[in-house]
């Protein structure tokens, strides 16, 4: 049995801070993380995929679609988060697939 125990608290919800000449990348509200497209220290060009996410989207139902749920249906759309500029990936959030980002 250990008599001297260290406790470490890790806050996975903490936002990363962009440093000098860096750009933070935000995800849409309610986004759900799927997977990283890159690894830390990788070089990316503007527009390259950084991460894959799923975003819930509400849309109106039509009569032909059958049962109404208050006139709205919840669907999901897969999206890629693109690199905002050329450069190296310096930091990555501690995210696991299925985790809500925002």
PDB file of N, CA and C in Angstrom:
ATOM      1  N   UNK A   1       0.849  -1.182   0.000  1.00  0.00           N
ATOM      2  CA  UNK A   1       0.000   0.000   0.000  1.00  0.00           C
ATOM      3  C   UNK A   1       0.889   1.237   0.000  1.00  0.00           C
ATOM      4  N   UNK A   2       0.526   2.192  -0.868  1.00  0.00           N
ATOM      5  CA  UNK A   2       1.288   3.425  -0.950  1.00  0.00           C
ATOM      6  C   UNK A   2       0.846   4.384   0.143  1.00  0.00           C
ATOM      7  N   UNK A   3       1.786   4.957   0.838  1.00  0.00           N
ATOM      8  CA  UNK A   3       1.444   5.910   1.884  1.00  0.00           C
ATOM      9  C   UNK A   3       1.424   7.343   1.360  1.00  0.00           C
ATOM     10  N   UNK A   4       2.127   7.592   0.253  1.00  0.00           N
ATOM     11  CA  UNK A   4       2.190   8.933  -0.323  1.00  0.00           C
ATOM     12  C   UNK A   4       1.559   8.889  -1.712  1.00  0.00           C
ATOM     13  N   UNK A   5       0.306   9.298  -1.820  1.00  0.00           N
ATOM     14  CA  UNK A   5      -0.390   9.230  -3.098  1.00  0.00           C
ATOM     15  C   UNK A   5      -0.525  10.623  -3.709  1.00  0.00           C
ATOM     16  N   UNK A   6      -0.234  10.717  -4.967  1.00  0.00           N
ATOM     17  CA  UNK A   6      -0.385  11.978  -5.691  1.00  0.00           C
ATOM     18  C   UNK A   6      -1.682  11.929  -6.483  1.00  0.00           C
ATOM     19  N   UNK A   7      -2.421  13.005  -6.457  1.00  0.00           N
ATOM     20  CA  UNK A   7      -3.666  13.095  -7.202  1.00  0.00           C
ATOM     21  C   UNK A   7      -3.490  14.131  -8.299  1.00  0.00           C
ATOM     22  N   UNK A   8      -3.823  13.732  -9.510  1.00  0.00           N
ATOM     23  CA  UNK A   8      -3.707  14.635 -10.644  1.00  0.00           C
ATOM     24  C   UNK A   8      -5.089  14.837 -11.234  1.00  0.00           C
ATOM     25  N   UNK A   9      -5.475  16.078 -11.405  1.00  0.00           N
ATOM     26  CA  UNK A   9      -6.753  16.389 -12.029  1.00  0.00           C
ATOM     27  C   UNK A   9      -6.487  16.920 -13.422  1.00  0.00           C
ATOM     28  N   UNK A  10      -7.120  16.297 -14.404  1.00  0.00           N
ATOM     29  CA  UNK A  10      -6.940  16.706 -15.787  1.00  0.00           C
ATOM     30  C   UNK A  10      -8.257  17.268 -16.292  1.00  0.00           C
ATOM     31  N   UNK A  11      -8.229  18.504 -16.752  1.00  0.00           N
ATOM     32  CA  UNK A  11      -9.428  19.151 -17.274  1.00  0.00           C
ATOM     33  C   UNK A  11      -9.410  19.037 -18.796  1.00  0.00           C
ATOM     34  N   UNK A  12     -10.153  18.057 -19.341  1.00  0.00           N
ATOM     35  CA  UNK A  12     -10.162  17.869 -20.788  1.00  0.00           C
ATOM     36  C   UNK A  12     -10.976  18.936 -21.508  1.00  0.00           C
ATOM     37  N   UNK A  13     -11.782  19.688 -20.766  1.00  0.00           N
ATOM     38  CA  UNK A  13     -12.594  20.718 -21.396  1.00  0.00           C
ATOM     39  C   UNK A  13     -11.842  22.044 -21.556  1.00  0.00           C
ATOM     40  N   UNK A  14     -10.640  22.133 -21.013  1.00  0.00           N
ATOM     41  CA  UNK A  14      -9.880  23.379 -21.109  1.00  0.00           C
ATOM     42  C   UNK A  14      -9.513  23.651 -22.563  1.00  0.00           C
ATOM     43  N   UNK A  15      -9.701  24.901 -22.989  1.00  0.00           N
ATOM     44  CA  UNK A  15      -9.373  25.275 -24.355  1.00  0.00           C
ATOM     45  C   UNK A  15      -7.874  25.512 -24.489  1.00  0.00           C
ATOM     46  N   UNK A  16      -7.340  25.099 -25.624  1.00  0.00           N
ATOM     47  CA  UNK A  16      -5.939  25.356 -25.917  1.00  0.00           C
ATOM     48  C   UNK A  16      -5.782  26.820 -26.307  1.00  0.00           C
ATOM     49  N   UNK A  17      -4.663  27.396 -25.962  1.00  0.00           N
ATOM     50  CA  UNK A  17      -4.392  28.793 -26.279  1.00  0.00           C
ATOM     51  C   UNK A  17      -3.407  28.868 -27.443  1.00  0.00           C
ATOM     52  N   UNK A  18      -3.737  29.693 -28.437  1.00  0.00           N
ATOM     53  CA  UNK A  18      -2.840  29.884 -29.573  1.00  0.00           C
ATOM     54  C   UNK A  18      -1.729  30.847 -29.184  1.00  0.00           C
ATOM     55  N   UNK A  19      -0.507  30.494 -29.509  1.00  0.00           N
ATOM     56  CA  UNK A  19       0.644  31.333 -29.231  1.00  0.00           C
ATOM     57  C   UNK A  19       0.930  32.270 -30.398  1.00  0.00           C
ATOM     58  N   UNK A  20       2.097  32.912 -30.344  1.00  0.00           N
ATOM     59  CA  UNK A  20       2.517  33.832 -31.394  1.00  0.00           C
ATOM     60  C   UNK A  20       2.570  33.103 -32.735  1.00  0.00           C
ATOM     61  N   UNK A  21       1.969  33.698 -33.762  1.00  0.00           N
ATOM     62  CA  UNK A  21       1.949  33.163 -35.121  1.00  0.00           C
ATOM     63  C   UNK A  21       1.241  31.809 -35.209  1.00  0.00           C
ATOM     64  N   UNK A  22       0.310  31.543 -34.282  1.00  0.00           N
ATOM     65  CA  UNK A  22      -0.490  30.326 -34.311  1.00  0.00           C
ATOM     66  C   UNK A  22      -1.959  30.700 -34.443  1.00  0.00           C
ATOM     67  N   UNK A  23      -2.769  29.770 -34.909  1.00  0.00           N
ATOM     68  CA  UNK A  23      -4.196  30.011 -35.078  1.00  0.00           C
ATOM     69  C   UNK A  23      -4.964  28.903 -34.379  1.00  0.00           C
ATOM     70  N   UNK A  24      -5.865  29.277 -33.484  1.00  0.00           N
ATOM     71  CA  UNK A  24      -6.733  28.291 -32.841  1.00  0.00           C
ATOM     72  C   UNK A  24      -7.824  27.889 -33.818  1.00  0.00           C
ATOM     73  N   UNK A  25      -8.242  26.642 -33.742  1.00  0.00           N
ATOM     74  CA  UNK A  25      -9.282  26.134 -34.620  1.00  0.00           C
ATOM     75  C   UNK A  25     -10.491  25.785 -33.764  1.00  0.00           C
ATOM     76  N   UNK A  26     -11.626  26.383 -34.073  1.00  0.00           N
ATOM     77  CA  UNK A  26     -12.854  26.122 -33.327  1.00  0.00           C
ATOM     78  C   UNK A  26     -13.749  25.162 -34.098  1.00  0.00           C
ATOM     79  N   UNK A  27     -14.610  24.471 -33.353  1.00  0.00           N
ATOM     80  CA  UNK A  27     -15.590  23.572 -33.946  1.00  0.00           C
ATOM     81  C   UNK A  27     -16.977  24.187 -33.785  1.00  0.00           C
ATOM     82  N   UNK A  28     -17.904  23.812 -34.658  1.00  0.00           N
ATOM     83  CA  UNK A  28     -19.279  24.315 -34.510  1.00  0.00           C
ATOM     84  C   UNK A  28     -19.881  23.886 -33.172  1.00  0.00           C
ATOM     85  N   UNK A  29     -20.821  24.679 -32.682  1.00  0.00           N
ATOM     86  CA  UNK A  29     -21.501  24.348 -31.436  1.00  0.00           C
ATOM     87  C   UNK A  29     -22.187  22.987 -31.575  1.00  0.00           C
ATOM     88  N   UNK A  30     -22.152  22.190 -30.533  1.00  0.00           N
ATOM     89  CA  UNK A  30     -22.765  20.858 -30.475  1.00  0.00           C
ATOM     90  C   UNK A  30     -22.010  19.799 -31.286  1.00  0.00           C
ATOM     91  N   UNK A  31     -20.816  20.112 -31.797  1.00  0.00           N
ATOM     92  CA  UNK A  31     -20.053  19.149 -32.594  1.00  0.00           C
ATOM     93  C   UNK A  31     -19.607  17.969 -31.737  1.00  0.00           C
ATOM     94  N   UNK A  32     -19.544  16.797 -32.376  1.00  0.00           N
ATOM     95  CA  UNK A  32     -19.083  15.576 -31.718  1.00  0.00           C
ATOM     96  C   UNK A  32     -17.830  15.101 -32.448  1.00  0.00           C
ATOM     97  N   UNK A  33     -16.759  14.906 -31.692  1.00  0.00           N
ATOM     98  CA  UNK A  33     -15.477  14.510 -32.267  1.00  0.00           C
ATOM     99  C   UNK A  33     -15.544  13.080 -32.792  1.00  0.00           C
ATOM    100  N   UNK A  34     -14.978  12.862 -34.008  1.00  0.00           N
ATOM    101  CA  UNK A  34     -14.893  11.509 -34.573  1.00  0.00           C
ATOM    102  C   UNK A  34     -13.443  11.020 -34.600  1.00  0.00           C
ATOM    103  N   UNK A  35     -12.551  11.795 -35.232  1.00  0.00           N
ATOM    104  CA  UNK A  35     -11.161  11.346 -35.363  1.00  0.00           C
ATOM    105  C   UNK A  35     -10.270  12.495 -35.824  1.00  0.00           C
ATOM    106  N   UNK A  36      -8.991  12.386 -35.493  1.00  0.00           N
ATOM    107  CA  UNK A  36      -7.998  13.333 -36.001  1.00  0.00           C
ATOM    108  C   UNK A  36      -7.592  12.888 -37.400  1.00  0.00           C
ATOM    109  N   UNK A  37      -7.352  13.836 -38.292  1.00  0.00           N
ATOM    110  CA  UNK A  37      -6.847  13.562 -39.641  1.00  0.00           C
ATOM    111  C   UNK A  37      -5.326  13.683 -39.685  1.00  0.00           C
ATOM    112  N   UNK A  38      -4.753  14.314 -38.673  1.00  0.00           N
ATOM    113  CA  UNK A  38      -3.308  14.565 -38.630  1.00  0.00           C
ATOM    114  C   UNK A  38      -2.753  14.160 -37.267  1.00  0.00           C
ATOM    115  N   UNK A  39      -1.449  14.151 -37.179  1.00  0.00           N
ATOM    116  CA  UNK A  39      -0.776  13.890 -35.908  1.00  0.00           C
ATOM    117  C   UNK A  39      -0.055  15.163 -35.467  1.00  0.00           C
ATOM    118  N   UNK A  40       0.240  15.247 -34.188  1.00  0.00           N
ATOM    119  CA  UNK A  40       0.975  16.392 -33.668  1.00  0.00           C
ATOM    120  C   UNK A  40       2.309  16.503 -34.401  1.00  0.00           C
ATOM    121  N   UNK A  41       2.721  17.709 -34.698  1.00  0.00           N
ATOM    122  CA  UNK A  41       3.958  18.061 -35.410  1.00  0.00           C
ATOM    123  C   UNK A  41       3.868  17.865 -36.925  1.00  0.00           C
ATOM    124  N   UNK A  42       2.728  17.412 -37.434  1.00  0.00           N
ATOM    125  CA  UNK A  42       2.569  17.236 -38.880  1.00  0.00           C
ATOM    126  C   UNK A  42       2.483  18.596 -39.564  1.00  0.00           C
ATOM    127  N   UNK A  43       2.951  18.673 -40.792  1.00  0.00           N
ATOM    128  CA  UNK A  43       2.814  19.890 -41.583  1.00  0.00           C
ATOM    129  C   UNK A  43       1.506  19.813 -42.347  1.00  0.00           C
ATOM    130  N   UNK A  44       0.712  20.896 -42.332  1.00  0.00           N
ATOM    131  CA  UNK A  44      -0.554  20.946 -43.063  1.00  0.00           C
ATOM    132  C   UNK A  44      -0.590  22.170 -43.959  1.00  0.00           C
ATOM    133  N   UNK A  45      -1.285  22.038 -45.060  1.00  0.00           N
ATOM    134  CA  UNK A  45      -1.545  23.172 -45.947  1.00  0.00           C
ATOM    135  C   UNK A  45      -2.930  23.711 -45.638  1.00  0.00           C
ATOM    136  N   UNK A  46      -3.148  24.979 -45.936  1.00  0.00           N
ATOM    137  CA  UNK A  46      -4.449  25.592 -45.708  1.00  0.00           C
ATOM    138  C   UNK A  46      -5.515  24.739 -46.400  1.00  0.00           C
ATOM    139  N   UNK A  47      -6.557  24.383 -45.650  1.00  0.00           N
ATOM    140  CA  UNK A  47      -7.651  23.592 -46.202  1.00  0.00           C
ATOM    141  C   UNK A  47      -7.539  22.101 -45.962  1.00  0.00           C
ATOM    142  N   UNK A  48      -6.356  21.620 -45.542  1.00  0.00           N
ATOM    143  CA  UNK A  48      -6.209  20.189 -45.234  1.00  0.00           C
ATOM    144  C   UNK A  48      -7.096  19.827 -44.049  1.00  0.00           C
ATOM    145  N   UNK A  49      -7.569  18.601 -44.025  1.00  0.00           N
ATOM    146  CA  UNK A  49      -8.396  18.126 -42.912  1.00  0.00           C
ATOM    147  C   UNK A  49      -7.549  18.008 -41.643  1.00  0.00           C
ATOM    148  N   UNK A  50      -8.040  18.597 -40.555  1.00  0.00           N
ATOM    149  CA  UNK A  50      -7.393  18.456 -39.249  1.00  0.00           C
ATOM    150  C   UNK A  50      -8.139  17.427 -38.410  1.00  0.00           C
ATOM    151  N   UNK A  51      -9.488  17.488 -38.468  1.00  0.00           N
ATOM    152  CA  UNK A  51     -10.298  16.549 -37.684  1.00  0.00           C
ATOM    153  C   UNK A  51     -11.626  16.283 -38.375  1.00  0.00           C
ATOM    154  N   UNK A  52     -12.187  15.124 -38.089  1.00  0.00           N
ATOM    155  CA  UNK A  52     -13.526  14.768 -38.553  1.00  0.00           C
ATOM    156  C   UNK A  52     -14.485  14.904 -37.385  1.00  0.00           C
ATOM    157  N   UNK A  53     -15.633  15.521 -37.647  1.00  0.00           N
ATOM    158  CA  UNK A  53     -16.643  15.721 -36.609  1.00  0.00           C
ATOM    159  C   UNK A  53     -18.021  15.361 -37.158  1.00  0.00           C
ATOM    160  N   UNK A  54     -18.975  15.217 -36.257  1.00  0.00           N
ATOM    161  CA  UNK A  54     -20.380  15.052 -36.603  1.00  0.00           C
ATOM    162  C   UNK A  54     -21.123  16.207 -35.954  1.00  0.00           C
ATOM    163  N   UNK A  55     -22.041  16.823 -36.721  1.00  0.00           N
ATOM    164  CA  UNK A  55     -22.791  17.961 -36.206  1.00  0.00           C
ATOM    165  C   UNK A  55     -24.289  17.662 -36.317  1.00  0.00           C
ATOM    166  N   UNK A  56     -25.020  17.722 -35.195  1.00  0.00           N
ATOM    167  CA  UNK A  56     -26.473  17.555 -35.267  1.00  0.00           C
ATOM    168  C   UNK A  56     -27.110  18.751 -35.978  1.00  0.00           C
ATOM    169  N   UNK A  57     -28.073  18.480 -36.849  1.00  0.00           N
ATOM    170  CA  UNK A  57     -28.739  19.526 -37.609  1.00  0.00           C
ATOM    171  C   UNK A  57     -30.249  19.326 -37.493  1.00  0.00           C
ATOM    172  N   UNK A  58     -30.950  20.394 -37.185  1.00  0.00           N
ATOM    173  CA  UNK A  58     -32.416  20.328 -37.147  1.00  0.00           C
ATOM    174  C   UNK A  58     -32.950  20.789 -38.499  1.00  0.00           C
ATOM    175  N   UNK A  59     -33.920  20.050 -39.001  1.00  0.00           N
ATOM    176  CA  UNK A  59     -34.533  20.465 -40.265  1.00  0.00           C
ATOM    177  C   UNK A  59     -36.036  20.247 -40.185  1.00  0.00           C
ATOM    178  N   UNK A  60     -36.749  20.956 -41.015  1.00  0.00           N
ATOM    179  CA  UNK A  60     -38.213  20.864 -41.045  1.00  0.00           C
ATOM    180  C   UNK A  60     -38.652  19.572 -41.717  1.00  0.00           C
ATOM    181  N   UNK A  61     -39.705  18.948 -41.192  1.00  0.00           N
ATOM    182  CA  UNK A  61     -40.305  17.775 -41.820  1.00  0.00           C
ATOM    183  C   UNK A  61     -41.390  18.224 -42.798  1.00  0.00           C
ATOM    184  N   UNK A  62     -41.582  17.442 -43.836  1.00  0.00           N
ATOM    185  CA  UNK A  62     -42.706  17.691 -44.741  1.00  0.00           C
ATOM    186  C   UNK A  62     -43.754  16.623 -44.492  1.00  0.00           C
ATOM    187  N   UNK A  63     -44.963  16.859 -44.960  1.00  0.00           N
ATOM    188  CA  UNK A  63     -46.045  15.890 -44.756  1.00  0.00           C
ATOM    189  C   UNK A  63     -45.693  14.534 -45.354  1.00  0.00           C
ATOM    190  N   UNK A  64     -44.996  14.510 -46.485  1.00  0.00           N
ATOM    191  CA  UNK A  64     -44.664  13.243 -47.146  1.00  0.00           C
ATOM    192  C   UNK A  64     -43.670  12.400 -46.355  1.00  0.00           C
ATOM    193  N   UNK A  65     -42.985  13.017 -45.401  1.00  0.00           N
ATOM    194  CA  UNK A  65     -42.032  12.261 -44.595  1.00  0.00           C
ATOM    195  C   UNK A  65     -42.685  11.539 -43.426  1.00  0.00           C
ATOM    196  N   UNK A  66     -43.988  11.663 -43.331  1.00  0.00           N
ATOM    197  CA  UNK A  66     -44.695  10.891 -42.328  1.00  0.00           C
ATOM    198  C   UNK A  66     -44.828  11.595 -41.000  1.00  0.00           C
ATOM    199  N   UNK A  67     -44.598  10.852 -39.920  1.00  0.00           N
ATOM    200  CA  UNK A  67     -44.837  11.314 -38.564  1.00  0.00           C
ATOM    201  C   UNK A  67     -44.131  12.638 -38.274  1.00  0.00           C
ATOM    202  N   UNK A  68     -44.830  13.526 -37.613  1.00  0.00           N
ATOM    203  CA  UNK A  68     -44.260  14.826 -37.260  1.00  0.00           C
ATOM    204  C   UNK A  68     -43.764  14.807 -35.829  1.00  0.00           C
ATOM    205  N   UNK A  69     -42.640  15.407 -35.611  1.00  0.00           N
ATOM    206  CA  UNK A  69     -42.086  15.592 -34.274  1.00  0.00           C
ATOM    207  C   UNK A  69     -41.935  17.085 -34.055  1.00  0.00           C
ATOM    208  N   UNK A  70     -43.043  17.732 -33.789  1.00  0.00           N
ATOM    209  CA  UNK A  70     -43.047  19.183 -33.603  1.00  0.00           C
ATOM    210  C   UNK A  70     -42.499  19.901 -34.834  1.00  0.00           C
ATOM    211  N   UNK A  71     -42.659  19.280 -36.011  1.00  0.00           N
ATOM    212  CA  UNK A  71     -42.231  19.906 -37.255  1.00  0.00           C
ATOM    213  C   UNK A  71     -40.743  19.859 -37.523  1.00  0.00           C
ATOM    214  N   UNK A  72     -39.969  19.207 -36.648  1.00  0.00           N
ATOM    215  CA  UNK A  72     -38.513  19.171 -36.834  1.00  0.00           C
ATOM    216  C   UNK A  72     -37.987  17.747 -36.698  1.00  0.00           C
ATOM    217  N   UNK A  73     -36.901  17.489 -37.361  1.00  0.00           N
ATOM    218  CA  UNK A  73     -36.232  16.203 -37.245  1.00  0.00           C
ATOM    219  C   UNK A  73     -34.750  16.482 -36.976  1.00  0.00           C
ATOM    220  N   UNK A  74     -34.161  15.683 -36.106  1.00  0.00           N
ATOM    221  CA  UNK A  74     -32.739  15.833 -35.818  1.00  0.00           C
ATOM    222  C   UNK A  74     -31.957  14.873 -36.704  1.00  0.00           C
ATOM    223  N   UNK A  75     -31.045  15.402 -37.461  1.00  0.00           N
ATOM    224  CA  UNK A  75     -30.186  14.598 -38.320  1.00  0.00           C
ATOM    225  C   UNK A  75     -28.743  14.928 -37.972  1.00  0.00           C
ATOM    226  N   UNK A  76     -27.808  14.134 -38.453  1.00  0.00           N
ATOM    227  CA  UNK A  76     -26.395  14.430 -38.235  1.00  0.00           C
ATOM    228  C   UNK A  76     -25.695  14.561 -39.577  1.00  0.00           C
ATOM    229  N   UNK A  77     -24.721  15.447 -39.599  1.00  0.00           N
ATOM    230  CA  UNK A  77     -23.934  15.687 -40.800  1.00  0.00           C
ATOM    231  C   UNK A  77     -22.470  15.544 -40.438  1.00  0.00           C
ATOM    232  N   UNK A  78     -21.747  14.730 -41.212  1.00  0.00           N
ATOM    233  CA  UNK A  78     -20.302  14.600 -41.001  1.00  0.00           C
ATOM    234  C   UNK A  78     -19.602  15.774 -41.681  1.00  0.00           C
ATOM    235  N   UNK A  79     -18.609  16.340 -40.988  1.00  0.00           N
ATOM    236  CA  UNK A  79     -17.856  17.467 -41.526  1.00  0.00           C
ATOM    237  C   UNK A  79     -16.377  17.283 -41.232  1.00  0.00           C
ATOM    238  N   UNK A  80     -15.559  17.970 -42.015  1.00  0.00           N
ATOM    239  CA  UNK A  80     -14.123  18.046 -41.743  1.00  0.00           C
ATOM    240  C   UNK A  80     -13.819  19.442 -41.232  1.00  0.00           C
ATOM    241  N   UNK A  81     -12.910  19.535 -40.284  1.00  0.00           N
ATOM    242  CA  UNK A  81     -12.419  20.843 -39.847  1.00  0.00           C
ATOM    243  C   UNK A  81     -11.114  21.082 -40.602  1.00  0.00           C
ATOM    244  N   UNK A  82     -11.080  22.136 -41.430  1.00  0.00           N
ATOM    245  CA  UNK A  82      -9.888  22.392 -42.238  1.00  0.00           C
ATOM    246  C   UNK A  82      -8.837  23.232 -41.516  1.00  0.00           C
ATOM    247  N   UNK A  83      -7.596  23.080 -41.953  1.00  0.00           N
ATOM    248  CA  UNK A  83      -6.509  23.912 -41.434  1.00  0.00           C
ATOM    249  C   UNK A  83      -6.739  25.348 -41.917  1.00  0.00           C
ATOM    250  N   UNK A  84      -6.667  26.334 -41.014  1.00  0.00           N
ATOM    251  CA  UNK A  84      -6.909  27.723 -41.417  1.00  0.00           C
ATOM    252  C   UNK A  84      -5.754  28.349 -42.197  1.00  0.00           C
ATOM    253  N   UNK A  85      -4.560  27.757 -42.090  1.00  0.00           N
ATOM    254  CA  UNK A  85      -3.401  28.260 -42.837  1.00  0.00           C
ATOM    255  C   UNK A  85      -2.333  27.183 -42.898  1.00  0.00           C
ATOM    256  N   UNK A  86      -1.291  27.410 -43.686  1.00  0.00           N
ATOM    257  CA  UNK A  86      -0.165  26.469 -43.767  1.00  0.00           C
ATOM    258  C   UNK A  86       0.626  26.509 -42.466  1.00  0.00           C
ATOM    259  N   UNK A  87       1.147  25.365 -42.057  1.00  0.00           N
ATOM    260  CA  UNK A  87       1.989  25.349 -40.863  1.00  0.00           C
ATOM    261  C   UNK A  87       2.023  23.986 -40.200  1.00  0.00           C
ATOM    262  N   UNK A  88       2.637  23.941 -39.035  1.00  0.00           N
ATOM    263  CA  UNK A  88       2.782  22.707 -38.265  1.00  0.00           C
ATOM    264  C   UNK A  88       1.723  22.636 -37.167  1.00  0.00           C
ATOM    265  N   UNK A  89       1.241  21.436 -36.894  1.00  0.00           N
ATOM    266  CA  UNK A  89       0.283  21.218 -35.812  1.00  0.00           C
ATOM    267  C   UNK A  89       1.075  21.198 -34.514  1.00  0.00           C
ATOM    268  N   UNK A  90       0.884  22.216 -33.672  1.00  0.00           N
ATOM    269  CA  UNK A  90       1.652  22.337 -32.428  1.00  0.00           C
ATOM    270  C   UNK A  90       0.945  21.721 -31.228  1.00  0.00           C
ATOM    271  N   UNK A  91      -0.384  21.877 -31.154  1.00  0.00           N
ATOM    272  CA  UNK A  91      -1.148  21.372 -30.010  1.00  0.00           C
ATOM    273  C   UNK A  91      -2.408  20.690 -30.522  1.00  0.00           C
ATOM    274  N   UNK A  92      -2.855  19.691 -29.772  1.00  0.00           N
ATOM    275  CA  UNK A  92      -4.109  19.007 -30.089  1.00  0.00           C
ATOM    276  C   UNK A  92      -4.861  18.782 -28.788  1.00  0.00           C
ATOM    277  N   UNK A  93      -6.169  18.949 -28.834  1.00  0.00           N
ATOM    278  CA  UNK A  93      -6.987  18.720 -27.648  1.00  0.00           C
ATOM    279  C   UNK A  93      -7.022  17.238 -27.287  1.00  0.00           C
ATOM    280  N   UNK A  94      -7.296  16.963 -26.033  1.00  0.00           N
ATOM    281  CA  UNK A  94      -7.403  15.580 -25.551  1.00  0.00           C
ATOM    282  C   UNK A  94      -8.835  15.113 -25.761  1.00  0.00           C
ATOM    283  N   UNK A  95      -9.145  14.699 -26.985  1.00  0.00           N
ATOM    284  CA  UNK A  95     -10.498  14.301 -27.349  1.00  0.00           C
ATOM    285  C   UNK A  95     -10.544  12.814 -27.669  1.00  0.00           C
ATOM    286  N   UNK A  96     -11.671  12.202 -27.369  1.00  0.00           N
ATOM    287  CA  UNK A  96     -11.885  10.791 -27.712  1.00  0.00           C
ATOM    288  C   UNK A  96     -13.112  10.719 -28.618  1.00  0.00           C
ATOM    289  N   UNK A  97     -13.130   9.749 -29.531  1.00  0.00           N
ATOM    290  CA  UNK A  97     -14.288   9.626 -30.437  1.00  0.00           C
ATOM    291  C   UNK A  97     -15.597   9.544 -29.653  1.00  0.00           C
ATOM    292  N   UNK A  98     -16.583  10.322 -30.106  1.00  0.00           N
ATOM    293  CA  UNK A  98     -17.876  10.361 -29.459  1.00  0.00           C
ATOM    294  C   UNK A  98     -18.023  11.475 -28.435  1.00  0.00           C
ATOM    295  N   UNK A  99     -16.921  12.164 -28.132  1.00  0.00           N
ATOM    296  CA  UNK A  99     -16.949  13.241 -27.133  1.00  0.00           C
ATOM    297  C   UNK A  99     -17.504  14.520 -27.739  1.00  0.00           C
ATOM    298  N   UNK A 100     -18.408  15.183 -27.025  1.00  0.00           N
ATOM    299  CA  UNK A 100     -18.942  16.473 -27.458  1.00  0.00           C
ATOM    300  C   UNK A 100     -17.843  17.519 -27.288  1.00  0.00           C
ATOM    301  N   UNK A 101     -17.617  18.335 -28.312  1.00  0.00           N
ATOM    302  CA  UNK A 101     -16.521  19.300 -28.284  1.00  0.00           C
ATOM    303  C   UNK A 101     -16.911  20.593 -27.593  1.00  0.00           C
ATOM    304  N   UNK A 102     -18.055  21.169 -27.950  1.00  0.00           N
ATOM    305  CA  UNK A 102     -18.443  22.475 -27.395  1.00  0.00           C
ATOM    306  C   UNK A 102     -19.223  22.338 -26.113  1.00  0.00           C
TER     307      UNK A 102
END
